[in-house]
Amino acid sequence: MNEYIDKTYWIAIAHLPKWTTERTNRFIIQVVHENKMSWSNFFELDKKGWLELFAFTEKELADLEYVKSDMPRLAFIAEQLQHEGFQIIPINSPDYPVVLKENLKIKSSPPILYIKGRKGLLQEDAVAIVGSRKAGEKALEFTDHVAKKSVKEFKVVVSGFAKGVDKQALDSSVEANGKSIIVLPQGILTFQSGFKKYYEPIVNGEVLVLSTFFPKAGWDVGLAMARNIYIYGLAKEIYVAESDSKGGTWEGAMDGLKRQRKIYVRIPEPKEKNANFKLIELGAVPIYGWRGS
């Protein structure tokens, strides 16, 4: 079998048109675990064969027929990923981060991860540091402190590569010779400038770049919002440097609180205008006296 075929199938399955993450994951369970089928065997079936084994809707059948016809294009993408040193980690792989499944469950765990860098970082204890793109000086100072403290504790720093807090978390970690995971708001093949900038720490195994989106997807506001759940999901500890009362940081924090995750929030300085206190009122844990810790 062509070495790219299995990866091609996984790309097809992970990005079925408008399928929810939960529907895709349940589909994977049905095919791979319950029916013990390989993807090549599944796609050898026609519409009739699928209906004999699975209770697909007409829309789902049409989607599967579409991706089946799209395999040649997806195979080129799989081959490009392979040649350029990217890895694909399906949800049933032993390399898939356990913490992500534990935090996001079947409903929200991404079916596959596209990565570049040392995959072992996905299994290490991680800290997420999140906050506004327009964060103030105190928030960035807090971010730098938490990132460098995490490095001293041999923890991986997870961030989303946005301006402000995300970028500060990454750069502080790199400066301290720590380990970081960048969770992209775009497809992994569209991050070329980032790979050039962080080439050395990626090659040295200190930075891992991760995307859950279609490899050629460009940056998009919707994707930027969607990836926040994965930043939180990869981490055992979550620190909010600065949050507005809406937007990605706020929604991610609210989702974490609903999942009964511990969300640590910086106590804002007098006259700061942000929603940090609101998060604390809703159950987040306040961080006092961090400068001396």
Protein backbone atom coordinates (compact mmCIF):
# COMPACT_ATOMS: atom_id res chain seq x y z
CA MET A 1 0.00 0.00 0.00
CA ASN A 2 1.18 3.53 -0.78
CA GLU A 3 2.66 5.00 2.41
CA TYR A 4 0.48 8.09 2.11
CA ILE A 5 -2.84 6.26 1.71
CA ASP A 6 -3.67 5.81 5.40
CA LYS A 7 -2.80 9.45 6.12
CA THR A 8 -4.93 10.49 3.17
CA TYR A 9 -7.90 8.65 4.64
CA TRP A 10 -7.41 10.28 8.04
CA ILE A 11 -7.30 13.75 6.46
CA ALA A 12 -10.53 12.96 4.62
CA ILE A 13 -12.29 11.67 7.74
CA ALA A 14 -11.13 14.52 9.99
CA HIS A 15 -12.53 17.20 7.69
CA LEU A 16 -15.86 15.78 6.57
CA PRO A 17 -18.03 18.77 5.57
CA LYS A 18 -19.89 20.25 8.55
CA TRP A 19 -19.62 17.09 10.64
CA THR A 20 -19.34 17.89 14.32
CA THR A 21 -16.27 16.70 16.18
CA GLU A 22 -18.40 14.32 18.23
CA ARG A 23 -20.07 12.83 15.14
CA THR A 24 -16.68 12.30 13.50
CA ASN A 25 -15.26 10.64 16.62
CA ARG A 26 -18.25 8.32 16.97
CA PHE A 27 -17.89 7.42 13.30
CA ILE A 28 -14.20 6.57 13.87
CA ILE A 29 -15.18 4.35 16.82
CA GLN A 30 -17.81 2.57 14.71
CA VAL A 31 -15.45 1.84 11.83
CA VAL A 32 -12.11 1.22 13.51
CA HIS A 33 -13.06 -0.24 16.89
CA GLU A 34 -16.53 -1.77 16.58
CA ASN A 35 -16.27 -3.08 13.00
CA LYS A 36 -12.48 -3.59 13.08
CA MET A 37 -12.18 -2.13 9.59
CA SER A 38 -9.25 -0.36 7.98
CA TRP A 39 -10.03 2.88 6.18
CA SER A 40 -9.03 1.30 2.87
CA ASN A 41 -11.63 -1.44 3.43
CA PHE A 42 -14.24 1.12 4.40
CA PHE A 43 -13.69 3.21 1.27
CA GLU A 44 -13.74 0.13 -0.96
CA LEU A 45 -17.45 -0.12 -0.10
CA ASP A 46 -20.07 1.69 -2.13
CA LYS A 47 -23.16 3.49 -0.87
CA LYS A 48 -25.09 0.23 -0.58
CA GLY A 49 -22.28 -1.43 1.36
CA TRP A 50 -22.09 1.49 3.79
CA LEU A 51 -25.82 1.35 4.45
CA GLU A 52 -25.66 -2.36 5.26
CA LEU A 53 -23.20 -1.67 8.08
CA PHE A 54 -23.92 1.87 9.24
CA ALA A 55 -26.95 4.07 9.86
CA PHE A 56 -25.81 7.05 7.81
CA THR A 57 -28.13 9.88 6.83
CA GLU A 58 -28.43 10.86 3.17
CA LYS A 59 -26.31 13.94 3.87
CA GLU A 60 -23.60 11.82 5.52
CA LEU A 61 -23.60 9.39 2.58
CA ALA A 62 -23.22 12.30 0.16
CA ASP A 63 -20.32 13.67 2.23
CA LEU A 64 -18.56 10.30 2.24
CA GLU A 65 -19.02 9.91 -1.52
CA TYR A 66 -17.62 13.41 -1.98
CA VAL A 67 -14.45 12.79 0.05
CA LYS A 68 -14.01 9.43 -1.67
CA SER A 69 -13.91 11.27 -5.01
CA ASP A 70 -11.55 13.87 -3.50
CA MET A 71 -8.89 11.33 -2.46
CA PRO A 72 -6.40 12.17 -5.26
CA ARG A 73 -6.21 15.81 -4.11
CA LEU A 74 -5.91 14.80 -0.46
CA ALA A 75 -3.18 12.30 -1.34
CA PHE A 76 -1.05 15.16 -2.72
CA ILE A 77 -1.50 17.03 0.55
CA ALA A 78 -0.56 13.92 2.57
CA GLU A 79 2.55 13.51 0.43
CA GLN A 80 3.49 17.17 0.89
CA LEU A 81 3.12 16.86 4.66
CA GLN A 82 5.36 13.78 4.65
CA HIS A 83 8.05 15.37 2.49
CA GLU A 84 8.14 18.58 4.54
CA GLY A 85 8.57 16.78 7.86
CA PHE A 86 5.09 17.09 9.31
CA GLN A 87 3.43 14.31 11.27
CA ILE A 88 -0.23 13.30 11.51
CA ILE A 89 -1.41 11.89 14.83
CA PRO A 90 -4.88 10.27 14.71
CA ILE A 91 -7.04 10.14 17.83
CA ASN A 92 -6.45 6.37 18.19
CA SER A 93 -2.65 6.70 18.10
CA PRO A 94 -0.58 6.09 21.27
CA ASP A 95 1.14 9.40 20.45
CA TYR A 96 -2.13 11.32 20.86
CA PRO A 97 -2.00 13.36 24.10
CA VAL A 98 -3.90 11.64 26.90
CA VAL A 99 -4.62 14.96 28.63
CA LEU A 100 -6.48 16.23 25.55
CA LYS A 101 -8.85 13.25 25.60
CA GLU A 102 -9.32 13.56 29.35
CA ASN A 103 -10.16 17.26 29.17
CA LEU A 104 -12.24 17.38 25.98
CA LYS A 105 -13.79 13.89 25.88
CA ILE A 106 -15.38 12.43 22.75
CA LYS A 107 -17.42 15.58 22.15
CA SER A 108 -14.51 17.95 21.52
CA SER A 109 -11.23 15.99 21.08
CA PRO A 110 -9.93 16.72 17.57
CA PRO A 111 -9.87 13.58 15.36
CA ILE A 112 -6.32 14.25 14.19
CA LEU A 113 -3.40 16.53 15.05
CA TYR A 114 -0.94 17.91 12.53
CA ILE A 115 2.41 18.61 14.15
CA LYS A 116 5.98 19.64 13.51
CA GLY A 117 8.56 19.21 16.24
CA ARG A 118 9.23 16.67 18.98
CA LYS A 119 5.99 14.77 19.53
CA GLY A 120 7.06 13.73 23.03
CA LEU A 121 6.16 17.24 24.23
CA LEU A 122 2.50 16.23 23.87
CA GLN A 123 2.87 13.77 26.75
CA GLU A 124 4.55 16.17 29.20
CA ASP A 125 2.82 18.29 31.85
CA ALA A 126 1.75 21.56 30.27
CA VAL A 127 0.65 25.01 31.39
CA ALA A 128 -1.59 27.20 29.22
CA ILE A 129 -1.08 30.96 29.45
CA VAL A 130 -3.82 32.95 27.75
CA GLY A 131 -4.93 36.53 27.45
CA SER A 132 -5.80 39.51 25.32
CA ARG A 133 -4.03 40.45 22.09
CA LYS A 134 -3.96 44.02 23.47
CA ALA A 135 -2.78 43.07 26.94
CA GLY A 136 -1.27 45.75 29.14
CA GLU A 137 2.19 45.88 30.63
CA LYS A 138 1.18 44.16 33.91
CA ALA A 139 -0.44 41.27 32.04
CA LEU A 140 2.67 40.75 29.91
CA GLU A 141 4.85 40.91 33.01
CA PHE A 142 2.65 38.26 34.64
CA THR A 143 2.85 36.13 31.48
CA ASP A 144 6.64 36.33 31.48
CA HIS A 145 6.70 35.34 35.16
CA VAL A 146 4.39 32.32 34.75
CA ALA A 147 6.20 31.14 31.61
CA LYS A 148 9.65 31.27 33.23
CA LYS A 149 8.35 29.70 36.44
CA SER A 150 6.87 26.87 34.35
CA VAL A 151 10.22 26.36 32.62
CA LYS A 152 11.93 26.01 36.01
CA GLU A 153 9.33 23.39 36.93
CA PHE A 154 10.05 21.51 33.67
CA LYS A 155 6.55 22.15 32.32
CA VAL A 156 5.63 22.81 28.70
CA VAL A 157 4.12 26.23 27.96
CA VAL A 158 1.10 26.13 25.61
CA SER A 159 -0.02 29.25 23.76
CA GLY A 160 -1.88 30.26 20.62
CA PHE A 161 0.56 32.48 18.69
CA ALA A 162 -1.60 35.60 18.78
CA LYS A 163 -0.14 39.02 19.59
CA GLY A 164 0.04 40.01 23.22
CA VAL A 165 -0.09 37.32 25.89
CA ASP A 166 0.29 34.33 23.55
CA LYS A 167 3.43 35.67 21.90
CA GLN A 168 4.89 36.75 25.25
CA ALA A 169 4.33 33.26 26.70
CA LEU A 170 6.11 31.64 23.78
CA ASP A 171 9.02 34.06 23.63
CA SER A 172 9.56 33.99 27.42
CA SER A 173 9.66 30.21 27.33
CA VAL A 174 12.12 30.16 24.41
CA GLU A 175 14.28 32.81 26.09
CA ALA A 176 14.46 30.64 29.23
CA ASN A 177 15.39 27.56 27.15
CA GLY A 178 12.07 25.95 28.01
CA LYS A 179 9.61 23.87 26.01
CA SER A 180 6.54 25.21 24.21
CA ILE A 181 3.59 24.10 22.11
CA ILE A 182 2.14 26.56 19.59
CA VAL A 183 -1.52 25.85 18.77
CA LEU A 184 -2.25 27.41 15.41
CA PRO A 185 -5.38 29.29 14.29
CA GLN A 186 -4.78 28.04 10.72
CA GLY A 187 -3.62 25.03 8.72
CA ILE A 188 -0.09 23.85 9.43
CA LEU A 189 1.04 24.31 5.80
CA THR A 190 0.27 28.05 5.95
CA PHE A 191 2.64 28.79 8.85
CA GLN A 192 5.84 29.10 6.81
CA SER A 193 7.01 32.42 8.29
CA GLY A 194 6.60 31.01 11.80
CA PHE A 195 8.62 27.92 10.97
CA LYS A 196 11.44 30.11 9.70
CA LYS A 197 11.40 32.30 12.81
CA TYR A 198 11.38 29.37 15.29
CA TYR A 199 13.39 26.96 13.16
CA GLU A 200 16.14 26.42 15.74
CA PRO A 201 13.96 25.64 18.81
CA ILE A 202 11.75 23.39 16.65
CA VAL A 203 14.76 21.43 15.36
CA ASN A 204 16.19 21.26 18.88
CA GLY A 205 12.97 19.72 20.19
CA GLU A 206 12.02 22.71 22.36
CA VAL A 207 9.04 23.96 20.33
CA LEU A 208 6.25 21.92 18.79
CA VAL A 209 3.78 23.43 16.33
CA LEU A 210 0.28 21.94 16.27
CA SER A 211 -2.83 22.45 14.16
CA THR A 212 -6.19 20.69 14.10
CA PHE A 213 -7.45 22.39 10.94
CA PHE A 214 -7.26 21.47 7.26
CA PRO A 215 -3.55 21.74 6.35
CA LYS A 216 -4.02 24.50 3.77
CA ALA A 217 -6.55 26.58 5.74
CA GLY A 218 -5.48 30.20 6.08
CA TRP A 219 -5.77 32.29 9.23
CA ASP A 220 -9.39 32.94 10.08
CA VAL A 221 -11.18 34.59 13.00
CA GLY A 222 -13.44 31.55 13.36
CA LEU A 223 -10.43 29.23 13.49
CA ALA A 224 -8.73 31.51 16.01
CA MET A 225 -11.77 31.20 18.27
CA ALA A 226 -12.09 27.46 17.65
CA ARG A 227 -8.50 26.62 18.55
CA ASN A 228 -8.75 28.12 22.06
CA ILE A 229 -10.42 24.98 23.40
CA TYR A 230 -7.37 22.97 22.30
CA ILE A 231 -4.98 25.32 24.11
CA TYR A 232 -6.94 24.74 27.32
CA GLY A 233 -7.35 21.05 26.55
CA LEU A 234 -3.62 20.37 26.25
CA ALA A 235 -2.84 21.88 29.65
CA LYS A 236 -3.11 20.66 33.22
CA GLU A 237 -2.93 24.25 34.52
CA ILE A 238 -4.53 27.33 32.96
CA TYR A 239 -3.46 30.91 33.70
CA VAL A 240 -5.36 33.97 32.47
CA ALA A 241 -3.20 37.09 32.33
CA GLU A 242 -5.92 39.40 31.05
CA SER A 243 -9.39 38.82 29.64
CA ASP A 244 -12.09 40.97 28.10
CA SER A 245 -15.72 40.11 28.80
CA LYS A 246 -16.02 38.59 25.33
CA GLY A 247 -13.70 37.02 22.79
CA GLY A 248 -11.50 33.95 22.71
CA THR A 249 -9.88 34.20 26.15
CA TRP A 250 -13.23 34.77 27.85
CA GLU A 251 -14.99 31.95 25.98
CA GLY A 252 -12.12 29.58 26.62
CA ALA A 253 -12.11 30.40 30.33
CA MET A 254 -15.88 29.99 30.55
CA ASP A 255 -15.69 26.64 28.79
CA GLY A 256 -12.95 25.56 31.22
CA LEU A 257 -15.04 26.58 34.23
CA LYS A 258 -18.03 24.64 32.85
CA ARG A 259 -15.78 21.59 32.62
CA GLN A 260 -14.82 22.21 36.27
CA ARG A 261 -11.24 23.00 35.35
CA LYS A 262 -9.19 25.19 37.68
CA ILE A 263 -8.63 28.54 35.96
CA TYR A 264 -6.03 30.79 37.63
CA VAL A 265 -6.54 34.52 37.04
CA ARG A 266 -4.23 37.46 37.74
CA ILE A 267 -5.65 40.00 40.15
CA PRO A 268 -5.74 43.24 38.12
CA GLU A 269 -4.11 46.45 39.25
CA PRO A 270 -6.28 49.45 40.25
CA LYS A 271 -7.70 51.29 37.22
CA GLU A 272 -7.12 48.34 34.88
CA LYS A 273 -10.09 47.75 32.60
CA ASN A 274 -10.60 44.04 32.05
CA ALA A 275 -12.87 41.15 33.05
CA ASN A 276 -10.44 39.35 35.36
CA PHE A 277 -12.57 40.01 38.44
CA LYS A 278 -15.66 38.75 36.60
CA LEU A 279 -13.93 35.42 35.99
CA ILE A 280 -12.99 35.20 39.66
CA GLU A 281 -16.61 35.88 40.63
CA LEU A 282 -17.63 32.99 38.35
CA GLY A 283 -15.26 30.55 40.03
CA ALA A 284 -11.75 31.18 38.76
CA VAL A 285 -8.88 31.12 41.29
CA PRO A 286 -7.27 34.52 41.98
CA ILE A 287 -3.46 34.82 41.88
CA TYR A 288 -2.07 37.18 44.51
CA GLY A 289 1.52 38.20 45.17
CA TRP A 290 2.94 36.49 42.12
CA ARG A 291 5.92 38.82 41.83
CA GLY A 292 7.46 37.36 44.94
CA SER A 293 6.82 33.71 44.04
